[in-house]
């Protein structure tokens, strides 16, 4: 099951449709997909904490907004990336922060 979820997240092509559809210009679906892709597999655990911290920091530095769960990003995603990846991003980030 984790391998399937990881591969679903890996399908993200970084096209930016999610960011364009979001009223907050949030990149959390994209970042969540990238974090999920690696966090779900044992090979990704080694650098998981550093990875998520660095990715969220970069997202913030670049001025992307935060998710407000409107679902516009998921609706526009040509690869069907799910909002659950944003939830996983948040969980991974909170785990890394403590």
C-alpha atoms as a PDB file:
ATOM      1  CA  UNK A   1       0.000   0.000   0.000  1.00  0.00           C
ATOM      2  CA  UNK A   2       2.770   2.509   0.873  1.00  0.00           C
ATOM      3  CA  UNK A   3       4.520   1.786  -2.407  1.00  0.00           C
ATOM      4  CA  UNK A   4       1.292   2.503  -4.312  1.00  0.00           C
ATOM      5  CA  UNK A   5       0.763   5.778  -2.433  1.00  0.00           C
ATOM      6  CA  UNK A   6       4.384   6.721  -3.066  1.00  0.00           C
ATOM      7  CA  UNK A   7       4.054   6.067  -6.776  1.00  0.00           C
ATOM      8  CA  UNK A   8       0.804   8.065  -6.907  1.00  0.00           C
ATOM      9  CA  UNK A   9       2.648  11.024  -5.376  1.00  0.00           C
ATOM     10  CA  UNK A  10       5.619  10.516  -7.705  1.00  0.00           C
ATOM     11  CA  UNK A  11       3.274  11.074 -10.657  1.00  0.00           C
ATOM     12  CA  UNK A  12       3.453  14.834  -9.983  1.00  0.00           C
ATOM     13  CA  UNK A  13       5.058  16.513 -12.994  1.00  0.00           C
ATOM     14  CA  UNK A  14       5.577  19.909 -11.363  1.00  0.00           C
ATOM     15  CA  UNK A  15       3.400  21.644 -13.950  1.00  0.00           C
ATOM     16  CA  UNK A  16       2.134  24.355 -11.573  1.00  0.00           C
ATOM     17  CA  UNK A  17      -1.577  23.840 -12.281  1.00  0.00           C
ATOM     18  CA  UNK A  18      -2.178  23.428  -8.555  1.00  0.00           C
ATOM     19  CA  UNK A  19      -0.480  26.725  -7.737  1.00  0.00           C
ATOM     20  CA  UNK A  20      -2.346  28.551 -10.497  1.00  0.00           C
ATOM     21  CA  UNK A  21      -5.710  27.198  -9.301  1.00  0.00           C
ATOM     22  CA  UNK A  22      -5.118  28.076  -5.641  1.00  0.00           C
ATOM     23  CA  UNK A  23      -6.485  31.366  -4.315  1.00  0.00           C
ATOM     24  CA  UNK A  24      -3.406  31.534  -2.042  1.00  0.00           C
ATOM     25  CA  UNK A  25      -0.912  30.544  -4.735  1.00  0.00           C
ATOM     26  CA  UNK A  26      -0.028  27.641  -2.476  1.00  0.00           C
ATOM     27  CA  UNK A  27       2.553  25.112  -3.634  1.00  0.00           C
ATOM     28  CA  UNK A  28       1.642  22.683  -0.877  1.00  0.00           C
ATOM     29  CA  UNK A  29       0.162  20.059  -3.209  1.00  0.00           C
ATOM     30  CA  UNK A  30       3.376  19.984  -5.230  1.00  0.00           C
ATOM     31  CA  UNK A  31       5.618  20.007  -2.145  1.00  0.00           C
ATOM     32  CA  UNK A  32       3.349  17.483  -0.433  1.00  0.00           C
ATOM     33  CA  UNK A  33       3.624  15.150  -3.418  1.00  0.00           C
ATOM     34  CA  UNK A  34       7.409  15.363  -3.407  1.00  0.00           C
ATOM     35  CA  UNK A  35       7.642  14.840   0.355  1.00  0.00           C
ATOM     36  CA  UNK A  36       5.106  11.989   0.273  1.00  0.00           C
ATOM     37  CA  UNK A  37       6.838  10.237  -2.599  1.00  0.00           C
ATOM     38  CA  UNK A  38       9.983   9.795  -0.536  1.00  0.00           C
ATOM     39  CA  UNK A  39       8.553   9.722   3.005  1.00  0.00           C
ATOM     40  CA  UNK A  40       6.415   6.668   2.294  1.00  0.00           C
ATOM     41  CA  UNK A  41       9.340   4.455   1.333  1.00  0.00           C
ATOM     42  CA  UNK A  42      12.024   3.115   3.686  1.00  0.00           C
ATOM     43  CA  UNK A  43      14.780   4.573   1.502  1.00  0.00           C
ATOM     44  CA  UNK A  44      13.404   8.068   2.075  1.00  0.00           C
ATOM     45  CA  UNK A  45      13.431   7.877   5.871  1.00  0.00           C
ATOM     46  CA  UNK A  46      17.137   8.646   6.227  1.00  0.00           C
ATOM     47  CA  UNK A  47      16.846  12.292   5.183  1.00  0.00           C
ATOM     48  CA  UNK A  48      13.109  12.748   5.811  1.00  0.00           C
ATOM     49  CA  UNK A  49      13.371  15.360   8.562  1.00  0.00           C
ATOM     50  CA  UNK A  50      15.918  17.520   6.777  1.00  0.00           C
ATOM     51  CA  UNK A  51      14.115  17.166   3.454  1.00  0.00           C
ATOM     52  CA  UNK A  52      10.737  18.363   4.690  1.00  0.00           C
ATOM     53  CA  UNK A  53      12.234  21.241   6.684  1.00  0.00           C
ATOM     54  CA  UNK A  54      14.280  22.443   3.709  1.00  0.00           C
ATOM     55  CA  UNK A  55      11.393  22.121   1.260  1.00  0.00           C
ATOM     56  CA  UNK A  56       8.940  24.029   3.473  1.00  0.00           C
ATOM     57  CA  UNK A  57      11.551  26.704   4.188  1.00  0.00           C
ATOM     58  CA  UNK A  58      12.193  27.159   0.462  1.00  0.00           C
ATOM     59  CA  UNK A  59       8.466  27.284  -0.258  1.00  0.00           C
ATOM     60  CA  UNK A  60       8.090  29.998   2.374  1.00  0.00           C
ATOM     61  CA  UNK A  61      11.165  31.903   1.132  1.00  0.00           C
ATOM     62  CA  UNK A  62       9.689  31.981  -2.365  1.00  0.00           C
ATOM     63  CA  UNK A  63       6.462  33.500  -1.056  1.00  0.00           C
ATOM     64  CA  UNK A  64       3.998  30.713  -1.750  1.00  0.00           C
ATOM     65  CA  UNK A  65       0.830  30.794   0.346  1.00  0.00           C
ATOM     66  CA  UNK A  66      -0.536  28.158   2.672  1.00  0.00           C
ATOM     67  CA  UNK A  67      -3.275  25.646   2.019  1.00  0.00           C
ATOM     68  CA  UNK A  68      -6.815  26.466   3.127  1.00  0.00           C
ATOM     69  CA  UNK A  69      -8.253  23.154   1.881  1.00  0.00           C
ATOM     70  CA  UNK A  70     -10.508  24.510  -0.853  1.00  0.00           C
ATOM     71  CA  UNK A  71      -9.539  21.577  -3.080  1.00  0.00           C
ATOM     72  CA  UNK A  72      -9.021  23.663  -6.208  1.00  0.00           C
ATOM     73  CA  UNK A  73      -5.507  22.253  -6.584  1.00  0.00           C
ATOM     74  CA  UNK A  74      -6.663  18.640  -6.552  1.00  0.00           C
ATOM     75  CA  UNK A  75      -9.497  19.421  -8.974  1.00  0.00           C
ATOM     76  CA  UNK A  76      -7.078  20.964 -11.501  1.00  0.00           C
ATOM     77  CA  UNK A  77      -4.211  18.510 -11.148  1.00  0.00           C
ATOM     78  CA  UNK A  78      -3.734  16.658 -14.440  1.00  0.00           C
ATOM     79  CA  UNK A  79      -2.130  13.742 -12.580  1.00  0.00           C
ATOM     80  CA  UNK A  80      -4.783  13.413  -9.860  1.00  0.00           C
ATOM     81  CA  UNK A  81      -2.515  14.228  -6.922  1.00  0.00           C
ATOM     82  CA  UNK A  82      -4.659  14.046  -3.779  1.00  0.00           C
ATOM     83  CA  UNK A  83      -5.029  16.504  -0.899  1.00  0.00           C
ATOM     84  CA  UNK A  84      -3.935  13.733   1.456  1.00  0.00           C
ATOM     85  CA  UNK A  85      -0.392  14.561   0.351  1.00  0.00           C
ATOM     86  CA  UNK A  86      -0.758  17.985   1.982  1.00  0.00           C
ATOM     87  CA  UNK A  87      -1.871  16.312   5.204  1.00  0.00           C
ATOM     88  CA  UNK A  88       1.182  14.041   5.015  1.00  0.00           C
ATOM     89  CA  UNK A  89       3.415  17.064   4.372  1.00  0.00           C
ATOM     90  CA  UNK A  90       2.051  18.708   7.518  1.00  0.00           C
ATOM     91  CA  UNK A  91       2.546  15.536   9.583  1.00  0.00           C
ATOM     92  CA  UNK A  92       6.097  15.095   8.319  1.00  0.00           C
ATOM     93  CA  UNK A  93       6.870  18.749   9.012  1.00  0.00           C
ATOM     94  CA  UNK A  94       5.512  18.628  12.562  1.00  0.00           C
ATOM     95  CA  UNK A  95       7.431  15.436  13.260  1.00  0.00           C
ATOM     96  CA  UNK A  96      10.599  17.077  11.989  1.00  0.00           C
ATOM     97  CA  UNK A  97      10.042  20.178  14.109  1.00  0.00           C
ATOM     98  CA  UNK A  98       9.959  18.274  17.392  1.00  0.00           C
END
